[in-house]
Amino acid sequence: MGSNDFLLIVFGIILIYVIKKIVAIFQTRKKLTGEITTMSLRGRKVLFGLSIALVGFGIVYAVKIQDLYSIVYVLIGVTYSIVSLDKLYIGENGFCFDGKFGEFKKLKNGEL
């Protein structure tokens, strides 16, 4: 196993982790009840810009070199851009952020 294969495995693990995070984000939003308000986060704009830059780099890499890494770069950039568009969601029973759900009554009791 060469260094190229190892690098491809690492990128694959990163891609699987980010896809798992996207699934968690959408699943935890369903737990919120009542009127839901959202709040944007400042640092996410920088992450979105870097994700789009990674997609652009992957596309240029695909045109010039045409190998498997370019597809992986584009996929990681697209998935990170989806994660970077996530906001803080606040409902009547709790809040949801970054794929995690916190209930207000647990927060009040100090369980979180």
N, C-alpha and C. Protein backbone atom coordinates (compact mmCIF):
# COMPACT_ATOMS: atom_id res chain seq x y z
N MET A 1 0.86 -1.18 0.00
CA MET A 1 0.00 0.00 0.00
C MET A 1 0.90 1.23 0.00
N GLY A 2 0.78 2.03 -1.03
CA GLY A 2 1.60 3.21 -1.17
C GLY A 2 1.00 4.41 -0.45
N SER A 3 1.72 5.50 -0.50
CA SER A 3 1.24 6.72 0.17
C SER A 3 0.00 7.28 -0.51
N ASN A 4 -0.14 7.07 -1.81
CA ASN A 4 -1.33 7.55 -2.52
C ASN A 4 -2.58 6.81 -2.06
N ASP A 5 -2.45 5.49 -1.87
CA ASP A 5 -3.59 4.71 -1.38
C ASP A 5 -3.97 5.12 0.04
N PHE A 6 -2.96 5.35 0.88
CA PHE A 6 -3.22 5.77 2.25
C PHE A 6 -3.93 7.12 2.27
N LEU A 7 -3.49 8.04 1.45
CA LEU A 7 -4.10 9.36 1.38
C LEU A 7 -5.55 9.28 0.90
N LEU A 8 -5.81 8.41 -0.05
CA LEU A 8 -7.17 8.22 -0.54
C LEU A 8 -8.07 7.64 0.55
N ILE A 9 -7.54 6.74 1.37
CA ILE A 9 -8.31 6.17 2.48
C ILE A 9 -8.62 7.25 3.51
N VAL A 10 -7.66 8.11 3.81
CA VAL A 10 -7.89 9.20 4.77
C VAL A 10 -8.97 10.15 4.24
N PHE A 11 -8.90 10.51 2.97
CA PHE A 11 -9.92 11.37 2.38
C PHE A 11 -11.28 10.69 2.39
N GLY A 12 -11.32 9.39 2.16
CA GLY A 12 -12.58 8.65 2.21
C GLY A 12 -13.18 8.65 3.60
N ILE A 13 -12.34 8.51 4.63
CA ILE A 13 -12.82 8.55 6.01
C ILE A 13 -13.37 9.93 6.34
N ILE A 14 -12.69 10.97 5.89
CA ILE A 14 -13.18 12.34 6.11
C ILE A 14 -14.54 12.53 5.44
N LEU A 15 -14.67 12.04 4.23
CA LEU A 15 -15.93 12.16 3.49
C LEU A 15 -17.06 11.42 4.20
N ILE A 16 -16.80 10.22 4.69
CA ILE A 16 -17.82 9.46 5.42
C ILE A 16 -18.21 10.19 6.70
N TYR A 17 -17.24 10.77 7.42
CA TYR A 17 -17.53 11.52 8.64
C TYR A 17 -18.43 12.73 8.35
N VAL A 18 -18.15 13.45 7.30
CA VAL A 18 -18.94 14.64 6.98
C VAL A 18 -20.35 14.25 6.53
N ILE A 19 -20.48 13.17 5.76
CA ILE A 19 -21.81 12.71 5.36
C ILE A 19 -22.61 12.28 6.58
N LYS A 20 -21.95 11.62 7.54
CA LYS A 20 -22.61 11.23 8.79
C LYS A 20 -23.09 12.46 9.56
N LYS A 21 -22.30 13.51 9.55
CA LYS A 21 -22.67 14.76 10.23
C LYS A 21 -23.87 15.42 9.55
N ILE A 22 -23.94 15.37 8.22
CA ILE A 22 -25.08 15.93 7.49
C ILE A 22 -26.35 15.18 7.85
N VAL A 23 -26.28 13.86 7.91
CA VAL A 23 -27.45 13.05 8.29
C VAL A 23 -27.88 13.41 9.71
N ALA A 24 -26.93 13.57 10.64
CA ALA A 24 -27.26 13.93 12.02
C ALA A 24 -27.91 15.31 12.09
N ILE A 25 -27.46 16.24 11.27
CA ILE A 25 -28.04 17.59 11.27
C ILE A 25 -29.51 17.53 10.88
N PHE A 26 -29.83 16.79 9.83
CA PHE A 26 -31.22 16.72 9.38
C PHE A 26 -32.09 15.92 10.34
N GLN A 27 -31.53 14.91 11.01
CA GLN A 27 -32.32 14.12 11.95
C GLN A 27 -32.63 14.90 13.22
N THR A 28 -31.68 15.70 13.71
CA THR A 28 -31.93 16.43 14.95
C THR A 28 -32.90 17.59 14.75
N ARG A 29 -32.99 18.12 13.56
CA ARG A 29 -33.96 19.20 13.30
C ARG A 29 -35.38 18.71 13.49
N LYS A 30 -35.62 17.43 13.23
CA LYS A 30 -36.97 16.87 13.35
C LYS A 30 -37.42 16.79 14.81
N LYS A 31 -36.50 16.84 15.76
CA LYS A 31 -36.86 16.75 17.17
C LYS A 31 -37.42 18.05 17.73
N LEU A 32 -37.20 19.15 17.04
CA LEU A 32 -37.70 20.44 17.52
C LEU A 32 -39.20 20.53 17.33
N THR A 33 -39.87 21.12 18.32
CA THR A 33 -41.31 21.30 18.25
C THR A 33 -41.67 22.77 18.37
N GLY A 34 -42.88 23.10 17.96
CA GLY A 34 -43.38 24.46 18.07
C GLY A 34 -42.77 25.39 17.05
N GLU A 35 -42.83 26.67 17.36
CA GLU A 35 -42.26 27.68 16.47
C GLU A 35 -40.74 27.62 16.53
N ILE A 36 -40.12 27.54 15.38
CA ILE A 36 -38.67 27.38 15.30
C ILE A 36 -38.05 28.67 14.76
N THR A 37 -37.08 29.19 15.49
CA THR A 37 -36.33 30.36 15.04
C THR A 37 -34.90 29.93 14.72
N THR A 38 -34.26 30.66 13.83
CA THR A 38 -32.90 30.33 13.44
C THR A 38 -31.98 31.52 13.67
N MET A 39 -30.72 31.20 13.90
CA MET A 39 -29.69 32.22 14.06
C MET A 39 -28.50 31.84 13.20
N SER A 40 -28.04 32.78 12.40
CA SER A 40 -26.84 32.54 11.59
C SER A 40 -25.60 32.65 12.46
N LEU A 41 -24.54 32.01 12.03
CA LEU A 41 -23.29 32.03 12.78
C LEU A 41 -22.20 32.65 11.92
N ARG A 42 -21.38 33.49 12.54
CA ARG A 42 -20.39 34.25 11.78
C ARG A 42 -19.31 33.38 11.15
N GLY A 43 -18.76 32.46 11.88
CA GLY A 43 -17.64 31.66 11.38
C GLY A 43 -18.01 30.74 10.24
N ARG A 44 -19.28 30.49 10.06
CA ARG A 44 -19.71 29.57 9.01
C ARG A 44 -19.52 30.15 7.62
N LYS A 45 -19.49 31.46 7.49
CA LYS A 45 -19.28 32.08 6.17
C LYS A 45 -17.87 31.80 5.67
N VAL A 46 -16.91 31.81 6.58
CA VAL A 46 -15.53 31.51 6.21
C VAL A 46 -15.41 30.05 5.79
N LEU A 47 -16.05 29.16 6.55
CA LEU A 47 -16.04 27.74 6.20
C LEU A 47 -16.70 27.49 4.85
N PHE A 48 -17.78 28.20 4.57
CA PHE A 48 -18.45 28.06 3.28
C PHE A 48 -17.53 28.52 2.14
N GLY A 49 -16.84 29.63 2.34
CA GLY A 49 -15.91 30.12 1.32
C GLY A 49 -14.77 29.14 1.06
N LEU A 50 -14.23 28.55 2.12
CA LEU A 50 -13.17 27.56 1.96
C LEU A 50 -13.69 26.30 1.27
N SER A 51 -14.92 25.93 1.56
CA SER A 51 -15.52 24.75 0.92
C SER A 51 -15.70 24.98 -0.58
N ILE A 52 -16.17 26.15 -0.94
CA ILE A 52 -16.34 26.47 -2.36
C ILE A 52 -14.97 26.52 -3.05
N ALA A 53 -13.96 27.03 -2.35
CA ALA A 53 -12.60 27.05 -2.92
C ALA A 53 -12.10 25.62 -3.15
N LEU A 54 -12.42 24.71 -2.23
CA LEU A 54 -12.03 23.32 -2.40
C LEU A 54 -12.74 22.68 -3.58
N VAL A 55 -14.00 23.02 -3.78
CA VAL A 55 -14.73 22.52 -4.95
C VAL A 55 -14.08 23.05 -6.23
N GLY A 56 -13.76 24.33 -6.26
CA GLY A 56 -13.10 24.91 -7.43
C GLY A 56 -11.74 24.27 -7.69
N PHE A 57 -10.98 24.04 -6.63
CA PHE A 57 -9.69 23.37 -6.76
C PHE A 57 -9.88 21.96 -7.33
N GLY A 58 -10.89 21.25 -6.85
CA GLY A 58 -11.16 19.90 -7.34
C GLY A 58 -11.55 19.88 -8.80
N ILE A 59 -12.34 20.87 -9.22
CA ILE A 59 -12.75 20.93 -10.63
C ILE A 59 -11.55 21.23 -11.53
N VAL A 60 -10.72 22.18 -11.13
CA VAL A 60 -9.52 22.50 -11.91
C VAL A 60 -8.59 21.28 -11.95
N TYR A 61 -8.45 20.61 -10.82
CA TYR A 61 -7.62 19.41 -10.74
C TYR A 61 -8.17 18.31 -11.65
N ALA A 62 -9.49 18.20 -11.72
CA ALA A 62 -10.13 17.19 -12.58
C ALA A 62 -9.87 17.48 -14.05
N VAL A 63 -9.91 18.74 -14.42
CA VAL A 63 -9.68 19.10 -15.82
C VAL A 63 -8.22 18.88 -16.21
N LYS A 64 -7.30 19.25 -15.33
CA LYS A 64 -5.87 19.17 -15.65
C LYS A 64 -5.33 17.74 -15.56
N ILE A 65 -5.61 17.05 -14.44
CA ILE A 65 -4.94 15.79 -14.18
C ILE A 65 -5.83 14.57 -14.40
N GLN A 66 -7.10 14.69 -14.14
CA GLN A 66 -8.09 13.63 -14.36
C GLN A 66 -7.77 12.34 -13.61
N ASP A 67 -7.82 12.41 -12.27
CA ASP A 67 -7.70 11.20 -11.48
C ASP A 67 -8.75 11.19 -10.37
N LEU A 68 -8.67 10.19 -9.52
CA LEU A 68 -9.68 9.96 -8.50
C LEU A 68 -9.69 11.04 -7.42
N TYR A 69 -8.53 11.64 -7.14
CA TYR A 69 -8.45 12.65 -6.09
C TYR A 69 -9.33 13.86 -6.38
N SER A 70 -9.45 14.22 -7.64
CA SER A 70 -10.27 15.38 -7.98
C SER A 70 -11.73 15.15 -7.62
N ILE A 71 -12.23 13.95 -7.84
CA ILE A 71 -13.61 13.64 -7.46
C ILE A 71 -13.77 13.71 -5.95
N VAL A 72 -12.79 13.20 -5.22
CA VAL A 72 -12.84 13.24 -3.76
C VAL A 72 -12.80 14.68 -3.26
N TYR A 73 -11.97 15.53 -3.85
CA TYR A 73 -11.91 16.94 -3.46
C TYR A 73 -13.26 17.62 -3.67
N VAL A 74 -13.88 17.38 -4.80
CA VAL A 74 -15.18 17.99 -5.09
C VAL A 74 -16.23 17.50 -4.10
N LEU A 75 -16.26 16.20 -3.84
CA LEU A 75 -17.26 15.66 -2.90
C LEU A 75 -17.07 16.19 -1.49
N ILE A 76 -15.83 16.26 -1.03
CA ILE A 76 -15.57 16.81 0.31
C ILE A 76 -15.95 18.28 0.36
N GLY A 77 -15.65 19.04 -0.68
CA GLY A 77 -16.02 20.45 -0.71
C GLY A 77 -17.52 20.65 -0.70
N VAL A 78 -18.25 19.84 -1.46
CA VAL A 78 -19.71 19.96 -1.50
C VAL A 78 -20.31 19.61 -0.14
N THR A 79 -19.84 18.52 0.47
CA THR A 79 -20.40 18.13 1.77
C THR A 79 -20.07 19.14 2.85
N TYR A 80 -18.85 19.67 2.86
CA TYR A 80 -18.52 20.71 3.83
C TYR A 80 -19.33 21.98 3.61
N SER A 81 -19.64 22.30 2.37
CA SER A 81 -20.46 23.50 2.13
C SER A 81 -21.87 23.29 2.67
N ILE A 82 -22.39 22.06 2.59
CA ILE A 82 -23.71 21.79 3.17
C ILE A 82 -23.66 21.93 4.68
N VAL A 83 -22.60 21.42 5.31
CA VAL A 83 -22.45 21.54 6.76
C VAL A 83 -22.30 23.00 7.17
N SER A 84 -21.59 23.79 6.37
CA SER A 84 -21.35 25.18 6.72
C SER A 84 -22.60 26.04 6.62
N LEU A 85 -23.62 25.58 5.92
CA LEU A 85 -24.87 26.33 5.82
C LEU A 85 -25.80 26.08 7.00
N ASP A 86 -25.40 25.20 7.92
CA ASP A 86 -26.22 24.90 9.10
C ASP A 86 -26.28 26.11 10.02
N LYS A 87 -27.42 26.27 10.67
CA LYS A 87 -27.64 27.39 11.59
C LYS A 87 -28.00 26.86 12.96
N LEU A 88 -28.13 27.74 13.91
CA LEU A 88 -28.63 27.39 15.24
C LEU A 88 -30.14 27.45 15.19
N TYR A 89 -30.80 26.33 15.46
CA TYR A 89 -32.26 26.25 15.45
C TYR A 89 -32.76 26.18 16.88
N ILE A 90 -33.71 27.05 17.22
CA ILE A 90 -34.27 27.09 18.57
C ILE A 90 -35.77 26.86 18.47
N GLY A 91 -36.24 25.83 19.16
CA GLY A 91 -37.67 25.51 19.19
C GLY A 91 -38.20 25.67 20.61
N GLU A 92 -39.44 25.24 20.82
CA GLU A 92 -40.05 25.36 22.15
C GLU A 92 -39.48 24.36 23.14
N ASN A 93 -39.02 23.21 22.66
CA ASN A 93 -38.53 22.19 23.57
C ASN A 93 -37.01 22.15 23.70
N GLY A 94 -36.28 22.87 22.84
CA GLY A 94 -34.83 22.85 22.92
C GLY A 94 -34.18 23.53 21.74
N PHE A 95 -32.91 23.22 21.55
CA PHE A 95 -32.17 23.83 20.44
C PHE A 95 -31.36 22.75 19.72
N CYS A 96 -31.04 23.05 18.48
CA CYS A 96 -30.32 22.12 17.63
C CYS A 96 -29.18 22.87 16.96
N PHE A 97 -27.98 22.30 17.07
CA PHE A 97 -26.82 22.92 16.43
C PHE A 97 -25.80 21.84 16.12
N ASP A 98 -25.29 21.86 14.93
CA ASP A 98 -24.20 21.00 14.50
C ASP A 98 -24.51 19.51 14.69
N GLY A 99 -25.77 19.14 14.47
CA GLY A 99 -26.16 17.75 14.58
C GLY A 99 -26.41 17.27 15.99
N LYS A 100 -26.45 18.19 16.94
CA LYS A 100 -26.70 17.83 18.33
C LYS A 100 -27.96 18.54 18.82
N PHE A 101 -28.72 17.87 19.67
CA PHE A 101 -29.97 18.41 20.18
C PHE A 101 -29.86 18.57 21.69
N GLY A 102 -30.22 19.74 22.18
CA GLY A 102 -30.22 20.00 23.61
C GLY A 102 -31.61 20.41 24.07
N GLU A 103 -32.11 19.74 25.11
CA GLU A 103 -33.43 20.06 25.63
C GLU A 103 -33.29 21.10 26.74
N PHE A 104 -34.25 22.03 26.79
CA PHE A 104 -34.21 23.09 27.78
C PHE A 104 -34.36 22.55 29.20
N LYS A 105 -35.21 21.53 29.40
CA LYS A 105 -35.41 21.02 30.76
C LYS A 105 -34.16 20.30 31.26
N LYS A 106 -33.41 19.65 30.38
CA LYS A 106 -32.15 19.04 30.80
C LYS A 106 -31.11 20.11 31.09
N LEU A 107 -31.13 21.18 30.33
CA LEU A 107 -30.21 22.28 30.55
C LEU A 107 -30.50 22.95 31.89
N LYS A 108 -31.78 23.09 32.20
CA LYS A 108 -32.18 23.70 33.46
C LYS A 108 -31.76 22.85 34.65
N ASN A 109 -31.82 21.53 34.50
CA ASN A 109 -31.44 20.62 35.59
C ASN A 109 -29.94 20.37 35.65
N GLY A 110 -29.20 20.89 34.72
CA GLY A 110 -27.75 20.73 34.69
C GLY A 110 -27.29 19.39 34.16
N GLU A 111 -28.11 18.72 33.37
CA GLU A 111 -27.76 17.41 32.84
C GLU A 111 -26.95 17.48 31.55
N LEU A 112 -26.92 18.61 30.89
CA LEU A 112 -26.17 18.70 29.62
C LEU A 112 -24.73 19.02 29.85
